[in-house]
Amino acid sequence: QVQLVESGGGLVQPGGSLRLSCVASGFNFRDYAVGWFRQAPGKEREGVSCISHNNGFSTNYADSVKGRFTISRDNAENTAYLQMNSLKPGDTAVYYCAATPGRLSTVQAMCARPSGDTYWGQGIQVIVSS
């Protein structure tokens, strides 16, 4: 019953933009911090960006995407977003949406080490290539 469904991925040229969406169901979305992670073939999973639960007052971004990506959430729609601008070939990866119960911890920590009670989406492919 718990689901996180990503959409909005695909193939885009370098310098282009994509907006990923993550629609949650089966749990109290507002009470969960949300993160976007990515994994390229042969590489470790990387935390891209995370946002705190409730009103999302705190966010975290990997150094590689700062200034280019923006995370947001709309609790009324049970949806989180990742706006990706100025895309580079190095952004090519499978992107995963994740949700973790809100705790007294930093979103940086949440992004670096998702806890065992984290829900995960299936993942969606982003390819940046000319």
Protein backbone atom coordinates (compact mmCIF):
# COMPACT_ATOMS: atom_id res chain seq x y z
CA GLN A 1 0.00 0.00 0.00
CA VAL A 2 2.91 2.36 0.63
CA GLN A 3 4.02 3.86 -2.64
CA LEU A 4 6.40 6.49 -3.93
CA VAL A 5 6.02 6.96 -7.66
CA GLU A 6 8.54 9.02 -9.59
CA SER A 7 7.84 10.68 -12.92
CA GLY A 8 9.32 13.32 -15.18
CA GLY A 9 12.55 11.64 -16.16
CA GLY A 10 13.86 10.98 -19.63
CA LEU A 11 16.53 12.07 -22.06
CA VAL A 12 17.61 15.69 -22.21
CA GLN A 13 20.46 17.59 -23.84
CA PRO A 14 23.24 19.14 -21.77
CA GLY A 15 22.11 22.51 -20.46
CA GLY A 16 18.48 21.45 -20.47
CA SER A 17 16.01 21.06 -17.63
CA LEU A 18 13.81 18.37 -16.13
CA ARG A 19 11.37 18.37 -13.24
CA LEU A 20 11.03 15.12 -11.32
CA SER A 21 7.88 14.44 -9.31
CA CYS A 22 7.35 11.97 -6.48
CA VAL A 23 3.76 11.16 -5.52
CA ALA A 24 3.34 9.42 -2.17
CA SER A 25 0.47 7.29 -0.91
CA GLY A 26 -0.26 4.90 1.95
CA PHE A 27 1.39 6.94 4.71
CA ASN A 28 1.29 10.38 6.31
CA PHE A 29 3.44 12.26 3.84
CA ARG A 30 3.59 15.47 5.88
CA ASP A 31 5.34 13.63 8.73
CA TYR A 32 8.19 12.42 6.52
CA ALA A 33 11.33 14.07 5.30
CA VAL A 34 11.88 13.51 1.59
CA GLY A 35 15.07 12.93 -0.32
CA TRP A 36 16.20 12.48 -3.88
CA PHE A 37 19.03 10.03 -4.47
CA ARG A 38 20.73 8.87 -7.61
CA GLN A 39 22.92 6.01 -8.73
CA ALA A 40 24.90 5.64 -11.93
CA PRO A 41 26.24 2.29 -13.16
CA GLY A 42 29.33 1.28 -11.22
CA LYS A 43 28.97 4.12 -8.73
CA GLU A 44 27.69 4.39 -5.18
CA ARG A 45 24.29 5.80 -4.40
CA GLU A 46 24.48 9.55 -3.85
CA GLY A 47 22.21 11.81 -1.88
CA VAL A 48 21.23 14.63 -4.23
CA SER A 49 18.87 16.71 -2.13
CA CYS A 50 16.65 16.34 0.94
CA ILE A 51 13.91 18.41 2.53
CA SER A 52 12.59 18.32 6.08
CA HIS A 53 9.15 17.13 7.11
CA ASN A 54 6.13 19.38 7.68
CA ASN A 55 6.74 22.72 6.00
CA GLY A 56 10.13 21.78 4.58
CA PHE A 57 11.98 24.62 6.31
CA SER A 58 15.36 22.92 5.91
CA THR A 59 16.99 21.61 2.73
CA ASN A 60 20.27 20.02 1.75
CA TYR A 61 22.04 19.75 -1.59
CA ALA A 62 25.04 17.84 -2.80
CA ASP A 63 27.87 20.16 -3.80
CA SER A 64 27.65 18.89 -7.36
CA VAL A 65 24.09 20.20 -7.81
CA LYS A 66 24.06 23.39 -5.74
CA GLY A 67 22.78 26.31 -7.75
CA ARG A 68 21.28 24.03 -10.38
CA PHE A 69 18.73 21.84 -8.56
CA THR A 70 15.84 22.84 -6.29
CA ILE A 71 13.85 20.53 -4.02
CA SER A 72 10.33 21.35 -2.88
CA ARG A 73 7.22 19.69 -1.50
CA ASP A 74 3.46 20.14 -1.64
CA ASN A 75 1.90 18.32 1.29
CA ALA A 76 -1.64 18.96 0.08
CA GLU A 77 -0.80 16.90 -3.01
CA ASN A 78 1.48 14.38 -1.26
CA THR A 79 4.12 15.30 -3.79
CA ALA A 80 7.80 16.22 -3.75
CA TYR A 81 9.68 17.74 -6.66
CA LEU A 82 13.21 18.09 -7.91
CA GLN A 83 13.71 20.87 -10.42
CA MET A 84 16.91 20.20 -12.35
CA ASN A 85 18.41 22.97 -14.47
CA SER A 86 21.65 23.30 -16.41
CA LEU A 87 21.91 19.55 -16.62
CA LYS A 88 25.29 17.94 -17.27
CA PRO A 89 26.23 14.49 -18.58
CA GLY A 90 27.44 13.70 -15.05
CA ASP A 91 23.84 13.97 -13.85
CA THR A 92 22.95 10.84 -15.80
CA ALA A 93 21.66 8.26 -13.32
CA VAL A 94 18.62 6.49 -11.97
CA TYR A 95 16.95 8.88 -9.55
CA TYR A 96 15.09 7.58 -6.49
CA CYS A 97 12.61 9.32 -4.25
CA ALA A 98 12.75 8.39 -0.55
CA ALA A 99 10.77 9.28 2.57
CA THR A 100 11.93 9.02 6.19
CA PRO A 101 9.93 9.73 9.38
CA GLY A 102 10.72 13.19 10.67
CA ARG A 103 13.21 13.20 13.54
CA LEU A 104 15.40 15.53 15.54
CA SER A 105 18.25 15.31 13.07
CA THR A 106 19.59 17.39 10.23
CA VAL A 107 18.48 16.89 6.66
CA GLN A 108 22.17 16.62 5.80
CA ALA A 109 22.34 13.51 7.96
CA MET A 110 19.13 12.18 6.47
CA CYS A 111 20.53 12.63 2.98
CA ALA A 112 23.87 11.02 3.83
CA ARG A 113 22.50 7.95 5.62
CA PRO A 114 18.84 7.06 5.07
CA SER A 115 17.51 5.14 8.04
CA GLY A 116 16.15 1.60 7.93
CA ASP A 117 12.54 2.77 8.08
CA THR A 118 12.90 4.75 4.85
CA TYR A 119 10.44 4.17 2.04
CA TRP A 120 11.85 4.06 -1.49
CA GLY A 121 10.44 4.60 -4.93
CA GLN A 122 11.20 2.39 -7.89
CA GLY A 123 13.51 4.90 -9.52
CA ILE A 124 13.42 6.78 -12.80
CA GLN A 125 16.07 7.20 -15.48
CA VAL A 126 17.60 10.56 -16.30
CA ILE A 127 19.96 10.67 -19.27
CA VAL A 128 21.81 13.84 -20.18
CA SER A 129 23.39 13.45 -23.58
CA SER A 130 23.72 15.19 -26.91
